[in-house]
């Protein structure tokens, strides 16, 4: 699942609007919109501010090896 999809699903699961999420996390509404749209370049500290509301944070994860190469 992508980060954008995760944030959007968690926001809806907690019955929050984008405005609610921006206010509760302390980031701007524009940032929430860009995050949910999958913008490639976002400030990591702000992403973590949003994820902290759901008990999560960004971390290093292994990349699956493509065996076809």
PDB file of N, CA and C in Angstrom:
ATOM      1  N   UNK A   1       0.850  -1.175   0.000  1.00  0.00           N
ATOM      2  CA  UNK A   1       0.000   0.000   0.000  1.00  0.00           C
ATOM      3  C   UNK A   1       0.895   1.237   0.000  1.00  0.00           C
ATOM      4  N   UNK A   2       0.544   2.198  -0.802  1.00  0.00           N
ATOM      5  CA  UNK A   2       1.332   3.430  -0.853  1.00  0.00           C
ATOM      6  C   UNK A   2       1.047   4.287   0.384  1.00  0.00           C
ATOM      7  N   UNK A   3       1.956   5.181   0.658  1.00  0.00           N
ATOM      8  CA  UNK A   3       1.787   6.114   1.770  1.00  0.00           C
ATOM      9  C   UNK A   3       0.534   6.962   1.570  1.00  0.00           C
ATOM     10  N   UNK A   4       0.328   7.429   0.349  1.00  0.00           N
ATOM     11  CA  UNK A   4      -0.833   8.265   0.042  1.00  0.00           C
ATOM     12  C   UNK A   4      -2.131   7.522   0.339  1.00  0.00           C
ATOM     13  N   UNK A   5      -2.199   6.285  -0.107  1.00  0.00           N
ATOM     14  CA  UNK A   5      -3.405   5.485   0.111  1.00  0.00           C
ATOM     15  C   UNK A   5      -3.607   5.199   1.595  1.00  0.00           C
ATOM     16  N   UNK A   6      -2.522   4.901   2.301  1.00  0.00           N
ATOM     17  CA  UNK A   6      -2.609   4.626   3.733  1.00  0.00           C
ATOM     18  C   UNK A   6      -3.175   5.823   4.492  1.00  0.00           C
ATOM     19  N   UNK A   7      -2.628   6.993   4.246  1.00  0.00           N
ATOM     20  CA  UNK A   7      -3.084   8.198   4.949  1.00  0.00           C
ATOM     21  C   UNK A   7      -4.549   8.477   4.649  1.00  0.00           C
ATOM     22  N   UNK A   8      -4.925   8.359   3.393  1.00  0.00           N
ATOM     23  CA  UNK A   8      -6.317   8.619   3.012  1.00  0.00           C
ATOM     24  C   UNK A   8      -7.264   7.621   3.675  1.00  0.00           C
ATOM     25  N   UNK A   9      -6.893   6.343   3.678  1.00  0.00           N
ATOM     26  CA  UNK A   9      -7.739   5.321   4.297  1.00  0.00           C
ATOM     27  C   UNK A   9      -7.845   5.519   5.806  1.00  0.00           C
ATOM     28  N   UNK A  10      -6.731   5.849   6.447  1.00  0.00           N
ATOM     29  CA  UNK A  10      -6.759   6.066   7.900  1.00  0.00           C
ATOM     30  C   UNK A  10      -7.580   7.302   8.245  1.00  0.00           C
ATOM     31  N   UNK A  11      -7.465   8.336   7.426  1.00  0.00           N
ATOM     32  CA  UNK A  11      -8.252   9.546   7.662  1.00  0.00           C
ATOM     33  C   UNK A  11      -9.739   9.234   7.587  1.00  0.00           C
ATOM     34  N   UNK A  12     -10.124   8.482   6.576  1.00  0.00           N
ATOM     35  CA  UNK A  12     -11.535   8.131   6.424  1.00  0.00           C
ATOM     36  C   UNK A  12     -12.004   7.192   7.530  1.00  0.00           C
ATOM     37  N   UNK A  13     -11.152   6.260   7.912  1.00  0.00           N
ATOM     38  CA  UNK A  13     -11.485   5.311   8.988  1.00  0.00           C
ATOM     39  C   UNK A  13     -11.747   6.047  10.297  1.00  0.00           C
ATOM     40  N   UNK A  14     -11.008   7.129  10.528  1.00  0.00           N
ATOM     41  CA  UNK A  14     -11.179   7.926  11.745  1.00  0.00           C
ATOM     42  C   UNK A  14     -12.178   9.066  11.559  1.00  0.00           C
ATOM     43  N   UNK A  15     -12.861   9.028  10.410  1.00  0.00           N
ATOM     44  CA  UNK A  15     -13.905  10.010  10.086  1.00  0.00           C
ATOM     45  C   UNK A  15     -13.410  11.456  10.183  1.00  0.00           C
ATOM     46  N   UNK A  16     -12.254  11.684   9.571  1.00  0.00           N
ATOM     47  CA  UNK A  16     -11.661  13.016   9.543  1.00  0.00           C
ATOM     48  C   UNK A  16     -11.723  13.575   8.130  1.00  0.00           C
ATOM     49  N   UNK A  17     -11.965  14.864   8.026  1.00  0.00           N
ATOM     50  CA  UNK A  17     -11.830  15.535   6.738  1.00  0.00           C
ATOM     51  C   UNK A  17     -10.354  15.896   6.572  1.00  0.00           C
ATOM     52  N   UNK A  18      -9.988  16.338   5.384  1.00  0.00           N
ATOM     53  CA  UNK A  18      -8.618  16.798   5.182  1.00  0.00           C
ATOM     54  C   UNK A  18      -8.328  17.996   6.084  1.00  0.00           C
ATOM     55  N   UNK A  19      -9.305  18.856   6.268  1.00  0.00           N
ATOM     56  CA  UNK A  19      -9.137  20.013   7.156  1.00  0.00           C
ATOM     57  C   UNK A  19      -8.901  19.546   8.588  1.00  0.00           C
ATOM     58  N   UNK A  20      -9.695  18.579   9.059  1.00  0.00           N
ATOM     59  CA  UNK A  20      -9.519  18.034  10.412  1.00  0.00           C
ATOM     60  C   UNK A  20      -8.111  17.475  10.586  1.00  0.00           C
ATOM     61  N   UNK A  21      -7.676  16.690   9.604  1.00  0.00           N
ATOM     62  CA  UNK A  21      -6.360  16.061   9.691  1.00  0.00           C
ATOM     63  C   UNK A  21      -5.253  17.105   9.713  1.00  0.00           C
ATOM     64  N   UNK A  22      -5.387  18.136   8.915  1.00  0.00           N
ATOM     65  CA  UNK A  22      -4.349  19.173   8.902  1.00  0.00           C
ATOM     66  C   UNK A  22      -4.295  19.900  10.249  1.00  0.00           C
ATOM     67  N   UNK A  23      -5.451  20.178  10.824  1.00  0.00           N
ATOM     68  CA  UNK A  23      -5.490  20.870  12.118  1.00  0.00           C
ATOM     69  C   UNK A  23      -4.940  19.990  13.242  1.00  0.00           C
ATOM     70  N   UNK A  24      -5.336  18.725  13.265  1.00  0.00           N
ATOM     71  CA  UNK A  24      -4.893  17.824  14.335  1.00  0.00           C
ATOM     72  C   UNK A  24      -3.397  17.506  14.254  1.00  0.00           C
ATOM     73  N   UNK A  25      -2.864  17.465  13.039  1.00  0.00           N
ATOM     74  CA  UNK A  25      -1.455  17.119  12.875  1.00  0.00           C
ATOM     75  C   UNK A  25      -0.535  18.335  12.874  1.00  0.00           C
ATOM     76  N   UNK A  26      -1.107  19.523  12.695  1.00  0.00           N
ATOM     77  CA  UNK A  26      -0.293  20.733  12.708  1.00  0.00           C
ATOM     78  C   UNK A  26       0.409  21.037  11.400  1.00  0.00           C
ATOM     79  N   UNK A  27      -0.096  20.464  10.305  1.00  0.00           N
ATOM     80  CA  UNK A  27       0.455  20.773   8.988  1.00  0.00           C
ATOM     81  C   UNK A  27      -0.633  21.464   8.176  1.00  0.00           C
ATOM     82  N   UNK A  28      -0.255  22.065   7.079  1.00  0.00           N
ATOM     83  CA  UNK A  28      -1.210  22.793   6.258  1.00  0.00           C
ATOM     84  C   UNK A  28      -2.102  21.881   5.433  1.00  0.00           C
ATOM     85  N   UNK A  29      -3.251  22.403   5.062  1.00  0.00           N
ATOM     86  CA  UNK A  29      -4.199  21.667   4.236  1.00  0.00           C
ATOM     87  C   UNK A  29      -3.569  21.292   2.890  1.00  0.00           C
ATOM     88  N   UNK A  30      -2.805  22.196   2.328  1.00  0.00           N
ATOM     89  CA  UNK A  30      -2.137  21.908   1.050  1.00  0.00           C
ATOM     90  C   UNK A  30      -1.214  20.697   1.180  1.00  0.00           C
ATOM     91  N   UNK A  31      -0.509  20.598   2.305  1.00  0.00           N
ATOM     92  CA  UNK A  31       0.388  19.462   2.526  1.00  0.00           C
ATOM     93  C   UNK A  31      -0.406  18.157   2.560  1.00  0.00           C
ATOM     94  N   UNK A  32      -1.545  18.158   3.248  1.00  0.00           N
ATOM     95  CA  UNK A  32      -2.380  16.954   3.324  1.00  0.00           C
ATOM     96  C   UNK A  32      -2.839  16.552   1.931  1.00  0.00           C
ATOM     97  N   UNK A  33      -3.272  17.519   1.156  1.00  0.00           N
ATOM     98  CA  UNK A  33      -3.727  17.225  -0.207  1.00  0.00           C
ATOM     99  C   UNK A  33      -2.602  16.638  -1.052  1.00  0.00           C
ATOM    100  N   UNK A  34      -1.422  17.225  -0.963  1.00  0.00           N
ATOM    101  CA  UNK A  34      -0.279  16.720  -1.731  1.00  0.00           C
ATOM    102  C   UNK A  34       0.115  15.324  -1.266  1.00  0.00           C
ATOM    103  N   UNK A  35       0.078  15.092   0.030  1.00  0.00           N
ATOM    104  CA  UNK A  35       0.409  13.779   0.589  1.00  0.00           C
ATOM    105  C   UNK A  35      -0.557  12.723   0.054  1.00  0.00           C
ATOM    106  N   UNK A  36      -1.848  13.009   0.093  1.00  0.00           N
ATOM    107  CA  UNK A  36      -2.851  12.050  -0.361  1.00  0.00           C
ATOM    108  C   UNK A  36      -2.848  11.872  -1.879  1.00  0.00           C
ATOM    109  N   UNK A  37      -2.298  12.837  -2.601  1.00  0.00           N
ATOM    110  CA  UNK A  37      -2.200  12.712  -4.056  1.00  0.00           C
ATOM    111  C   UNK A  37      -0.909  12.019  -4.477  1.00  0.00           C
ATOM    112  N   UNK A  38      -0.064  11.678  -3.519  1.00  0.00           N
ATOM    113  CA  UNK A  38       1.153  10.936  -3.825  1.00  0.00           C
ATOM    114  C   UNK A  38       2.310  11.768  -4.329  1.00  0.00           C
ATOM    115  N   UNK A  39       2.373  13.036  -3.939  1.00  0.00           N
ATOM    116  CA  UNK A  39       3.491  13.882  -4.365  1.00  0.00           C
ATOM    117  C   UNK A  39       4.807  13.199  -3.978  1.00  0.00           C
ATOM    118  N   UNK A  40       5.753  13.214  -4.889  1.00  0.00           N
ATOM    119  CA  UNK A  40       7.013  12.488  -4.697  1.00  0.00           C
ATOM    120  C   UNK A  40       7.961  13.156  -3.709  1.00  0.00           C
ATOM    121  N   UNK A  41       7.896  14.480  -3.585  1.00  0.00           N
ATOM    122  CA  UNK A  41       8.811  15.189  -2.693  1.00  0.00           C
ATOM    123  C   UNK A  41       8.024  15.879  -1.588  1.00  0.00           C
ATOM    124  N   UNK A  42       8.155  15.341  -0.389  1.00  0.00           N
ATOM    125  CA  UNK A  42       7.480  15.898   0.781  1.00  0.00           C
ATOM    126  C   UNK A  42       8.470  15.941   1.937  1.00  0.00           C
ATOM    127  N   UNK A  43       8.271  16.866   2.846  1.00  0.00           N
ATOM    128  CA  UNK A  43       9.144  16.953   4.017  1.00  0.00           C
ATOM    129  C   UNK A  43       8.850  15.795   4.954  1.00  0.00           C
ATOM    130  N   UNK A  44       9.884  15.044   5.270  1.00  0.00           N
ATOM    131  CA  UNK A  44       9.759  13.851   6.098  1.00  0.00           C
ATOM    132  C   UNK A  44       9.239  14.176   7.492  1.00  0.00           C
ATOM    133  N   UNK A  45       9.672  15.288   8.064  1.00  0.00           N
ATOM    134  CA  UNK A  45       9.200  15.644   9.404  1.00  0.00           C
ATOM    135  C   UNK A  45       7.696  15.891   9.411  1.00  0.00           C
ATOM    136  N   UNK A  46       7.188  16.496   8.357  1.00  0.00           N
ATOM    137  CA  UNK A  46       5.752  16.753   8.273  1.00  0.00           C
ATOM    138  C   UNK A  46       4.967  15.466   8.016  1.00  0.00           C
ATOM    139  N   UNK A  47       5.531  14.574   7.204  1.00  0.00           N
ATOM    140  CA  UNK A  47       4.884  13.278   6.990  1.00  0.00           C
ATOM    141  C   UNK A  47       4.752  12.563   8.325  1.00  0.00           C
ATOM    142  N   UNK A  48       5.799  12.592   9.122  1.00  0.00           N
ATOM    143  CA  UNK A  48       5.756  11.936  10.429  1.00  0.00           C
ATOM    144  C   UNK A  48       4.770  12.610  11.377  1.00  0.00           C
ATOM    145  N   UNK A  49       4.592  13.909  11.272  1.00  0.00           N
ATOM    146  CA  UNK A  49       3.589  14.595  12.092  1.00  0.00           C
ATOM    147  C   UNK A  49       2.205  14.024  11.817  1.00  0.00           C
ATOM    148  N   UNK A  50       1.920  13.775  10.557  1.00  0.00           N
ATOM    149  CA  UNK A  50       0.628  13.213  10.172  1.00  0.00           C
ATOM    150  C   UNK A  50       0.533  11.758  10.627  1.00  0.00           C
ATOM    151  N   UNK A  51       1.562  10.972  10.341  1.00  0.00           N
ATOM    152  CA  UNK A  51       1.535   9.556  10.695  1.00  0.00           C
ATOM    153  C   UNK A  51       1.469   9.316  12.198  1.00  0.00           C
ATOM    154  N   UNK A  52       2.040  10.227  12.980  1.00  0.00           N
ATOM    155  CA  UNK A  52       2.020  10.069  14.438  1.00  0.00           C
ATOM    156  C   UNK A  52       0.599  10.005  14.989  1.00  0.00           C
ATOM    157  N   UNK A  53      -0.342  10.648  14.325  1.00  0.00           N
ATOM    158  CA  UNK A  53      -1.741  10.593  14.761  1.00  0.00           C
ATOM    159  C   UNK A  53      -2.283   9.169  14.705  1.00  0.00           C
ATOM    160  N   UNK A  54      -1.710   8.345  13.833  1.00  0.00           N
ATOM    161  CA  UNK A  54      -2.159   6.970  13.654  1.00  0.00           C
ATOM    162  C   UNK A  54      -1.183   5.977  14.289  1.00  0.00           C
ATOM    163  N   UNK A  55      -0.267   6.480  15.114  1.00  0.00           N
ATOM    164  CA  UNK A  55       0.689   5.613  15.805  1.00  0.00           C
ATOM    165  C   UNK A  55       1.758   5.039  14.898  1.00  0.00           C
ATOM    166  N   UNK A  56       2.093   5.747  13.839  1.00  0.00           N
ATOM    167  CA  UNK A  56       3.081   5.263  12.870  1.00  0.00           C
ATOM    168  C   UNK A  56       4.131   6.337  12.598  1.00  0.00           C
ATOM    169  N   UNK A  57       5.219   5.913  11.960  1.00  0.00           N
ATOM    170  CA  UNK A  57       6.227   6.847  11.465  1.00  0.00           C
ATOM    171  C   UNK A  57       6.909   6.229  10.263  1.00  0.00           C
ATOM    172  N   UNK A  58       7.529   7.069   9.452  1.00  0.00           N
ATOM    173  CA  UNK A  58       8.251   6.597   8.275  1.00  0.00           C
ATOM    174  C   UNK A  58       9.522   5.904   8.745  1.00  0.00           C
ATOM    175  N   UNK A  59       9.851   4.799   8.098  1.00  0.00           N
ATOM    176  CA  UNK A  59      11.062   4.071   8.449  1.00  0.00           C
ATOM    177  C   UNK A  59      11.639   3.359   7.239  1.00  0.00           C
ATOM    178  N   UNK A  60      12.823   2.857   7.398  1.00  0.00           N
ATOM    179  CA  UNK A  60      13.475   2.113   6.323  1.00  0.00           C
ATOM    180  C   UNK A  60      12.852   0.720   6.219  1.00  0.00           C
ATOM    181  N   UNK A  61      12.525   0.341   4.999  1.00  0.00           N
ATOM    182  CA  UNK A  61      11.961  -0.988   4.745  1.00  0.00           C
ATOM    183  C   UNK A  61      12.737  -1.626   3.602  1.00  0.00           C
ATOM    184  N   UNK A  62      12.840  -2.945   3.627  1.00  0.00           N
ATOM    185  CA  UNK A  62      13.571  -3.614   2.546  1.00  0.00           C
ATOM    186  C   UNK A  62      12.839  -3.471   1.212  1.00  0.00           C
ATOM    187  N   UNK A  63      13.624  -3.371   0.162  1.00  0.00           N
ATOM    188  CA  UNK A  63      13.074  -3.312  -1.192  1.00  0.00           C
ATOM    189  C   UNK A  63      13.060  -4.740  -1.736  1.00  0.00           C
ATOM    190  N   UNK A  64      11.904  -5.193  -2.226  1.00  0.00           N
ATOM    191  CA  UNK A  64      11.852  -6.558  -2.791  1.00  0.00           C
ATOM    192  C   UNK A  64      12.797  -6.673  -3.979  1.00  0.00           C
ATOM    193  N   UNK A  65      13.521  -7.772  -4.049  1.00  0.00           N
ATOM    194  CA  UNK A  65      14.443  -8.016  -5.164  1.00  0.00           C
ATOM    195  C   UNK A  65      13.653  -8.482  -6.372  1.00  0.00           C
ATOM    196  N   UNK A  66      13.945  -7.912  -7.525  1.00  0.00           N
ATOM    197  CA  UNK A  66      13.310  -8.337  -8.763  1.00  0.00           C
ATOM    198  C   UNK A  66      14.155  -9.447  -9.363  1.00  0.00           C
ATOM    199  N   UNK A  67      13.622 -10.649  -9.400  1.00  0.00           N
ATOM    200  CA  UNK A  67      14.395 -11.805  -9.861  1.00  0.00           C
ATOM    201  C   UNK A  67      14.526 -11.863 -11.381  1.00  0.00           C
ATOM    202  N   UNK A  68      13.846 -10.977 -12.090  1.00  0.00           N
ATOM    203  CA  UNK A  68      13.896 -11.009 -13.555  1.00  0.00           C
ATOM    204  C   UNK A  68      15.105 -10.286 -14.124  1.00  0.00           C
ATOM    205  N   UNK A  69      15.874  -9.585 -13.323  1.00  0.00           N
ATOM    206  CA  UNK A  69      17.019  -8.821 -13.844  1.00  0.00           C
ATOM    207  C   UNK A  69      18.192  -9.697 -14.158  1.00  0.00           C
TER     208      UNK A  69
END
